[in-house]
Amino acid sequence: MTAASTDTLTTLDEIVDNFSLLEEWDDRYRYVIELGRTLNPLPERQRIDANKVQGCASQVWLATTVHPDGQSGPILTFIGDSDAHIVRGLIAILFAMFSGKRAGDILSTDAIAVFNRLGLREHLTPQRSNGFRSMVERIRMDARAALLARHLLGCFRWSRSNPPKERKRLLGPGDNLPGAFARVIGEGNARERRDCADQRLLASRRRFADDAVLG
């Protein structure tokens, strides 16, 4: 599945091929700027603090849409913009890598390796390189969140078949779903996962945690 919002974007293979044809970095810079012009417009309503990427020298906005896709995993599409021409081009390169891809594929893609392969690391300022890494981490964070939401929703649907008595056992003392949600999130750190003797019980509690969110 390829989302409509990615149809006009240059593919990553095309970008790599075009970079190899351009021997001078002045030409490559111009090409990166030209890539930025292929981005779909970012609506004003998306230019909000929640969509800003922290750690970038320029202003950068990334807005993510998650498309459920059954058993194959969620697909993420992105729109974005920056007030810097070079950064808009870097956004276009990232979208060629990630937009329209499944969350699992996003997490398995080494964007920094592609960045280095294009030679961008040696020819951009440290601030631009750090900003690129911040954008990559933002996209990866959204992919992880999409996978977690899919897992919790699937577990929530399964767990609704449990009778009230079983719900009480899974939730612990009291049938307080919001309280259970807070408790489950507290159990979700690495130390708790290592120390929890009954992983299945913890997983079941997480299923009910989603009940508190979805109502």
C-alpha atoms as a PDB file:
ATOM      1  CA  MET A   1       0.000   0.000   0.000  1.00  0.00           C
ATOM      2  CA  THR A   2       1.324   3.432  -0.940  1.00  0.00           C
ATOM      3  CA  ALA A   3      -0.535   6.406   0.423  1.00  0.00           C
ATOM      4  CA  ALA A   4      -1.611   9.097  -1.978  1.00  0.00           C
ATOM      5  CA  SER A   5       0.431  11.698  -0.121  1.00  0.00           C
ATOM      6  CA  THR A   6       3.666  10.013  -1.229  1.00  0.00           C
ATOM      7  CA  ASP A   7       2.821   9.711  -4.927  1.00  0.00           C
ATOM      8  CA  THR A   8       4.665  12.868  -6.021  1.00  0.00           C
ATOM      9  CA  LEU A   9       7.746  12.246  -3.927  1.00  0.00           C
ATOM     10  CA  THR A  10      10.991  11.080  -5.468  1.00  0.00           C
ATOM     11  CA  THR A  11      11.908   7.541  -4.439  1.00  0.00           C
ATOM     12  CA  LEU A  12      14.999   6.863  -2.386  1.00  0.00           C
ATOM     13  CA  ASP A  13      16.598   4.885  -5.228  1.00  0.00           C
ATOM     14  CA  GLU A  14      16.124   7.856  -7.546  1.00  0.00           C
ATOM     15  CA  ILE A  15      17.707  10.169  -5.000  1.00  0.00           C
ATOM     16  CA  VAL A  16      20.726   7.893  -4.566  1.00  0.00           C
ATOM     17  CA  ASP A  17      21.128   7.553  -8.351  1.00  0.00           C
ATOM     18  CA  ASN A  18      20.855  11.293  -8.906  1.00  0.00           C
ATOM     19  CA  PHE A  19      23.397  11.988  -6.173  1.00  0.00           C
ATOM     20  CA  SER A  20      25.853   9.650  -7.880  1.00  0.00           C
ATOM     21  CA  LEU A  21      25.437  11.553 -11.157  1.00  0.00           C
ATOM     22  CA  LEU A  22      26.207  14.910  -9.552  1.00  0.00           C
ATOM     23  CA  GLU A  23      29.919  15.167  -8.884  1.00  0.00           C
ATOM     24  CA  GLU A  24      30.035  18.693  -7.465  1.00  0.00           C
ATOM     25  CA  TRP A  25      28.549  19.420  -4.065  1.00  0.00           C
ATOM     26  CA  ASP A  26      27.172  22.749  -5.243  1.00  0.00           C
ATOM     27  CA  ASP A  27      25.036  20.753  -7.671  1.00  0.00           C
ATOM     28  CA  ARG A  28      24.043  18.322  -4.931  1.00  0.00           C
ATOM     29  CA  TYR A  29      22.998  21.172  -2.648  1.00  0.00           C
ATOM     30  CA  ARG A  30      20.825  22.557  -5.428  1.00  0.00           C
ATOM     31  CA  TYR A  31      19.329  19.112  -5.921  1.00  0.00           C
ATOM     32  CA  VAL A  32      18.519  18.791  -2.209  1.00  0.00           C
ATOM     33  CA  ILE A  33      16.799  22.183  -2.343  1.00  0.00           C
ATOM     34  CA  GLU A  34      14.859  21.053  -5.406  1.00  0.00           C
ATOM     35  CA  LEU A  35      13.729  17.948  -3.519  1.00  0.00           C
ATOM     36  CA  GLY A  36      12.300  20.216  -0.850  1.00  0.00           C
ATOM     37  CA  ARG A  37      10.034  21.776  -3.457  1.00  0.00           C
ATOM     38  CA  THR A  38       8.394  18.391  -4.072  1.00  0.00           C
ATOM     39  CA  LEU A  39       6.949  18.261  -0.552  1.00  0.00           C
ATOM     40  CA  ASN A  40       3.192  18.385  -0.258  1.00  0.00           C
ATOM     41  CA  PRO A  41       2.022  21.644   1.350  1.00  0.00           C
ATOM     42  CA  LEU A  42       1.723  21.599   5.120  1.00  0.00           C
ATOM     43  CA  PRO A  43      -1.644  23.078   6.191  1.00  0.00           C
ATOM     44  CA  GLU A  44      -1.476  25.949   8.644  1.00  0.00           C
ATOM     45  CA  ARG A  45      -3.443  23.919  11.190  1.00  0.00           C
ATOM     46  CA  GLN A  46      -0.510  21.482  11.307  1.00  0.00           C
ATOM     47  CA  ARG A  47       2.029  24.200  12.144  1.00  0.00           C
ATOM     48  CA  ILE A  48       1.587  23.714  15.855  1.00  0.00           C
ATOM     49  CA  ASP A  49       4.002  23.123  18.704  1.00  0.00           C
ATOM     50  CA  ALA A  50       2.968  19.460  18.964  1.00  0.00           C
ATOM     51  CA  ASN A  51       4.307  18.876  15.440  1.00  0.00           C
ATOM     52  CA  LYS A  52       7.556  20.780  15.927  1.00  0.00           C
ATOM     53  CA  VAL A  53      10.736  18.729  15.984  1.00  0.00           C
ATOM     54  CA  GLN A  54      12.983  19.622  18.879  1.00  0.00           C
ATOM     55  CA  GLY A  55      16.733  19.714  18.357  1.00  0.00           C
ATOM     56  CA  CYS A  56      16.695  21.380  14.938  1.00  0.00           C
ATOM     57  CA  ALA A  57      18.424  24.692  14.294  1.00  0.00           C
ATOM     58  CA  SER A  58      15.601  25.683  11.944  1.00  0.00           C
ATOM     59  CA  GLN A  59      11.887  25.388  12.519  1.00  0.00           C
ATOM     60  CA  VAL A  60      10.684  21.933  11.461  1.00  0.00           C
ATOM     61  CA  TRP A  61       7.185  20.488  11.567  1.00  0.00           C
ATOM     62  CA  LEU A  62       6.355  16.830  11.031  1.00  0.00           C
ATOM     63  CA  ALA A  63       2.757  15.584  11.074  1.00  0.00           C
ATOM     64  CA  THR A  64       2.111  11.842  11.095  1.00  0.00           C
ATOM     65  CA  THR A  65      -0.946   9.911   9.933  1.00  0.00           C
ATOM     66  CA  VAL A  66      -1.325   6.247  10.884  1.00  0.00           C
ATOM     67  CA  HIS A  67      -3.250   3.972   8.519  1.00  0.00           C
ATOM     68  CA  PRO A  68      -4.359   0.633  10.069  1.00  0.00           C
ATOM     69  CA  ASP A  69      -3.685  -2.285   7.752  1.00  0.00           C
ATOM     70  CA  GLY A  70      -5.064  -5.430   9.346  1.00  0.00           C
ATOM     71  CA  GLN A  71      -2.529  -8.080  10.274  1.00  0.00           C
ATOM     72  CA  SER A  72       0.304  -6.488   8.313  1.00  0.00           C
ATOM     73  CA  GLY A  73       0.867  -3.635  10.710  1.00  0.00           C
ATOM     74  CA  PRO A  74       0.134   0.095  10.575  1.00  0.00           C
ATOM     75  CA  ILE A  75       1.382   2.255   7.719  1.00  0.00           C
ATOM     76  CA  LEU A  76       2.643   5.754   8.424  1.00  0.00           C
ATOM     77  CA  THR A  77       2.514   8.733   6.095  1.00  0.00           C
ATOM     78  CA  PHE A  78       4.061  12.106   6.790  1.00  0.00           C
ATOM     79  CA  ILE A  79       3.752  15.712   5.783  1.00  0.00           C
ATOM     80  CA  GLY A  80       6.210  18.327   6.899  1.00  0.00           C
ATOM     81  CA  ASP A  81       7.893  21.630   6.295  1.00  0.00           C
ATOM     82  CA  SER A  82      10.737  23.855   7.434  1.00  0.00           C
ATOM     83  CA  ASP A  83      11.684  27.494   7.120  1.00  0.00           C
ATOM     84  CA  ALA A  84      15.087  26.456   5.692  1.00  0.00           C
ATOM     85  CA  HIS A  85      15.457  25.295   2.079  1.00  0.00           C
ATOM     86  CA  ILE A  86      18.149  22.697   2.780  1.00  0.00           C
ATOM     87  CA  VAL A  87      16.153  21.251   5.664  1.00  0.00           C
ATOM     88  CA  ARG A  88      13.072  20.949   3.453  1.00  0.00           C
ATOM     89  CA  GLY A  89      15.211  18.854   1.128  1.00  0.00           C
ATOM     90  CA  LEU A  90      16.344  16.666   4.021  1.00  0.00           C
ATOM     91  CA  ILE A  91      12.698  16.194   4.977  1.00  0.00           C
ATOM     92  CA  ALA A  92      11.985  15.062   1.412  1.00  0.00           C
ATOM     93  CA  ILE A  93      14.805  12.508   1.648  1.00  0.00           C
ATOM     94  CA  LEU A  94      13.379  11.201   4.924  1.00  0.00           C
ATOM     95  CA  PHE A  95       9.903  10.934   3.428  1.00  0.00           C
ATOM     96  CA  ALA A  96      11.340   8.975   0.497  1.00  0.00           C
ATOM     97  CA  MET A  97      12.703   6.552   3.080  1.00  0.00           C
ATOM     98  CA  PHE A  98       9.736   6.358   5.414  1.00  0.00           C
ATOM     99  CA  SER A  99       6.430   7.796   4.192  1.00  0.00           C
ATOM    100  CA  GLY A 100       3.979   5.105   3.123  1.00  0.00           C
ATOM    101  CA  LYS A 101       5.988   2.404   4.903  1.00  0.00           C
ATOM    102  CA  ARG A 102       4.928  -0.012   7.619  1.00  0.00           C
ATOM    103  CA  ALA A 103       5.929   0.878  11.153  1.00  0.00           C
ATOM    104  CA  GLY A 104       8.083  -2.239  11.473  1.00  0.00           C
ATOM    105  CA  ASP A 105       9.945  -1.394   8.263  1.00  0.00           C
ATOM    106  CA  ILE A 106      10.534   2.144   9.493  1.00  0.00           C
ATOM    107  CA  LEU A 107      12.140   0.832  12.659  1.00  0.00           C
ATOM    108  CA  SER A 108      14.352  -1.583  10.726  1.00  0.00           C
ATOM    109  CA  THR A 109      15.640   1.097   8.321  1.00  0.00           C
ATOM    110  CA  ASP A 110      18.992   2.668   9.171  1.00  0.00           C
ATOM    111  CA  ALA A 111      18.385   6.242   8.071  1.00  0.00           C
ATOM    112  CA  ILE A 112      21.755   7.429   9.365  1.00  0.00           C
ATOM    113  CA  ALA A 113      23.509   4.891   7.130  1.00  0.00           C
ATOM    114  CA  VAL A 114      21.651   6.324   4.124  1.00  0.00           C
ATOM    115  CA  PHE A 115      22.540   9.839   5.296  1.00  0.00           C
ATOM    116  CA  ASN A 116      26.214   8.878   5.413  1.00  0.00           C
ATOM    117  CA  ARG A 117      26.008   6.996   2.109  1.00  0.00           C
ATOM    118  CA  LEU A 118      24.874  10.185   0.401  1.00  0.00           C
ATOM    119  CA  GLY A 119      27.852  11.987   1.912  1.00  0.00           C
ATOM    120  CA  LEU A 120      25.643  14.435   3.751  1.00  0.00           C
ATOM    121  CA  ARG A 121      27.422  13.994   7.061  1.00  0.00           C
ATOM    122  CA  GLU A 122      30.657  15.475   5.728  1.00  0.00           C
ATOM    123  CA  HIS A 123      29.016  18.326   3.843  1.00  0.00           C
ATOM    124  CA  LEU A 124      26.443  19.668   6.266  1.00  0.00           C
ATOM    125  CA  THR A 125      26.996  21.708   9.401  1.00  0.00           C
ATOM    126  CA  PRO A 126      26.885  19.836  12.723  1.00  0.00           C
ATOM    127  CA  GLN A 127      23.622  21.637  13.504  1.00  0.00           C
ATOM    128  CA  ARG A 128      22.031  20.345  10.293  1.00  0.00           C
ATOM    129  CA  SER A 129      23.310  16.819  10.954  1.00  0.00           C
ATOM    130  CA  ASN A 130      21.936  16.876  14.487  1.00  0.00           C
ATOM    131  CA  GLY A 131      18.641  18.186  13.167  1.00  0.00           C
ATOM    132  CA  PHE A 132      18.475  15.301  10.708  1.00  0.00           C
ATOM    133  CA  ARG A 133      18.975  12.854  13.562  1.00  0.00           C
ATOM    134  CA  SER A 134      16.236  14.585  15.547  1.00  0.00           C
ATOM    135  CA  MET A 135      13.832  14.177  12.633  1.00  0.00           C
ATOM    136  CA  VAL A 136      14.740  10.508  12.296  1.00  0.00           C
ATOM    137  CA  GLU A 137      14.143   9.926  15.997  1.00  0.00           C
ATOM    138  CA  ARG A 138      10.779  11.687  15.813  1.00  0.00           C
ATOM    139  CA  ILE A 139       9.672   9.429  12.948  1.00  0.00           C
ATOM    140  CA  ARG A 140      10.915   6.326  14.755  1.00  0.00           C
ATOM    141  CA  MET A 141       9.105   7.404  17.916  1.00  0.00           C
ATOM    142  CA  ASP A 142       5.848   7.730  15.957  1.00  0.00           C
ATOM    143  CA  ALA A 143       6.405   4.282  14.443  1.00  0.00           C
ATOM    144  CA  ARG A 144       6.941   2.753  17.879  1.00  0.00           C
ATOM    145  CA  ALA A 145       3.812   4.485  19.166  1.00  0.00           C
ATOM    146  CA  ALA A 146       1.783   3.151  16.223  1.00  0.00           C
ATOM    147  CA  LEU A 147       2.924  -0.408  16.903  1.00  0.00           C
ATOM    148  CA  LEU A 148       2.182  -0.082  20.609  1.00  0.00           C
ATOM    149  CA  ALA A 149      -1.281   1.342  19.932  1.00  0.00           C
ATOM    150  CA  ARG A 150      -2.028  -1.509  17.526  1.00  0.00           C
ATOM    151  CA  HIS A 151      -0.894  -4.069  20.094  1.00  0.00           C
ATOM    152  CA  LEU A 152      -2.918  -2.526  22.903  1.00  0.00           C
ATOM    153  CA  LEU A 153      -6.031  -2.208  20.752  1.00  0.00           C
ATOM    154  CA  GLY A 154      -5.808  -5.823  19.629  1.00  0.00           C
ATOM    155  CA  CYS A 155      -5.321  -7.007  23.195  1.00  0.00           C
ATOM    156  CA  PHE A 156      -8.183  -4.789  24.354  1.00  0.00           C
ATOM    157  CA  ARG A 157     -10.582  -6.367  21.863  1.00  0.00           C
ATOM    158  CA  TRP A 158      -9.536  -9.847  22.960  1.00  0.00           C
ATOM    159  CA  SER A 159      -9.759  -9.052  26.655  1.00  0.00           C
ATOM    160  CA  ARG A 160     -13.316  -7.752  26.506  1.00  0.00           C
ATOM    161  CA  SER A 161     -14.492 -11.355  26.349  1.00  0.00           C
ATOM    162  CA  ASN A 162     -13.229 -11.952  29.914  1.00  0.00           C
ATOM    163  CA  PRO A 163     -15.945 -12.132  32.608  1.00  0.00           C
ATOM    164  CA  PRO A 164     -15.994  -9.526  35.429  1.00  0.00           C
ATOM    165  CA  LYS A 165     -14.327 -11.910  37.900  1.00  0.00           C
ATOM    166  CA  GLU A 166     -11.407 -12.376  35.535  1.00  0.00           C
ATOM    167  CA  ARG A 167     -11.224  -8.629  34.969  1.00  0.00           C
ATOM    168  CA  LYS A 168     -10.813  -8.083  38.714  1.00  0.00           C
ATOM    169  CA  ARG A 169      -8.004 -10.648  38.869  1.00  0.00           C
ATOM    170  CA  LEU A 170      -6.186  -9.032  35.969  1.00  0.00           C
ATOM    171  CA  LEU A 171      -6.636  -5.490  37.226  1.00  0.00           C
ATOM    172  CA  GLY A 172      -5.645  -6.230  40.803  1.00  0.00           C
ATOM    173  CA  PRO A 173      -7.388  -4.743  43.875  1.00  0.00           C
ATOM    174  CA  GLY A 174     -10.432  -2.752  42.846  1.00  0.00           C
ATOM    175  CA  ASP A 175     -11.957  -2.514  39.387  1.00  0.00           C
ATOM    176  CA  ASN A 176     -10.688   0.983  38.731  1.00  0.00           C
ATOM    177  CA  LEU A 177      -9.685   1.118  35.079  1.00  0.00           C
ATOM    178  CA  PRO A 178      -8.013   4.555  35.111  1.00  0.00           C
ATOM    179  CA  GLY A 179      -6.056   3.560  38.205  1.00  0.00           C
ATOM    180  CA  ALA A 180      -5.151   0.269  36.588  1.00  0.00           C
ATOM    181  CA  PHE A 181      -3.970   2.129  33.507  1.00  0.00           C
ATOM    182  CA  ALA A 182      -1.603   4.265  35.585  1.00  0.00           C
ATOM    183  CA  ARG A 183      -0.352   1.189  37.420  1.00  0.00           C
ATOM    184  CA  VAL A 184       0.246  -0.736  34.203  1.00  0.00           C
ATOM    185  CA  ILE A 185       2.188   2.122  32.651  1.00  0.00           C
ATOM    186  CA  GLY A 186       4.317   2.208  35.791  1.00  0.00           C
ATOM    187  CA  GLU A 187       5.048  -1.475  35.309  1.00  0.00           C
ATOM    188  CA  GLY A 188       6.147  -0.906  31.748  1.00  0.00           C
ATOM    189  CA  ASN A 189       9.739   0.135  32.385  1.00  0.00           C
ATOM    190  CA  ALA A 190      12.648  -2.189  31.746  1.00  0.00           C
ATOM    191  CA  ARG A 191      13.294  -3.069  35.379  1.00  0.00           C
ATOM    192  CA  GLU A 192       9.686  -4.121  35.964  1.00  0.00           C
ATOM    193  CA  ARG A 193       9.711  -6.224  32.815  1.00  0.00           C
ATOM    194  CA  ARG A 194      12.826  -8.055  33.989  1.00  0.00           C
ATOM    195  CA  ASP A 195      11.525  -8.587  37.502  1.00  0.00           C
ATOM    196  CA  CYS A 196       7.950  -9.581  36.640  1.00  0.00           C
ATOM    197  CA  ALA A 197       7.598 -13.321  37.200  1.00  0.00           C
ATOM    198  CA  ASP A 198       4.290 -13.616  35.367  1.00  0.00           C
ATOM    199  CA  GLN A 199       4.707 -11.904  32.016  1.00  0.00           C
ATOM    200  CA  ARG A 200       1.334 -13.124  30.818  1.00  0.00           C
ATOM    201  CA  LEU A 201      -0.412 -11.429  33.719  1.00  0.00           C
ATOM    202  CA  LEU A 202       1.417  -8.180  33.009  1.00  0.00           C
ATOM    203  CA  ALA A 203       0.437  -8.399  29.344  1.00  0.00           C
ATOM    204  CA  SER A 204      -3.171  -9.009  30.306  1.00  0.00           C
ATOM    205  CA  ARG A 205      -3.130  -5.967  32.566  1.00  0.00           C
ATOM    206  CA  ARG A 206      -1.855  -3.899  29.672  1.00  0.00           C
ATOM    207  CA  ARG A 207      -4.838  -5.066  27.646  1.00  0.00           C
ATOM    208  CA  PHE A 208      -7.154  -3.573  30.212  1.00  0.00           C
ATOM    209  CA  ALA A 209      -5.072  -0.415  30.354  1.00  0.00           C
ATOM    210  CA  ASP A 210      -6.350   0.427  26.896  1.00  0.00           C
ATOM    211  CA  ASP A 211      -9.898   0.169  28.244  1.00  0.00           C
ATOM    212  CA  ALA A 212      -9.164   3.236  30.349  1.00  0.00           C
ATOM    213  CA  VAL A 213      -8.078   5.175  27.286  1.00  0.00           C
ATOM    214  CA  LEU A 214     -10.779   4.080  24.869  1.00  0.00           C
ATOM    215  CA  GLY A 215     -13.578   4.221  27.395  1.00  0.00           C
END
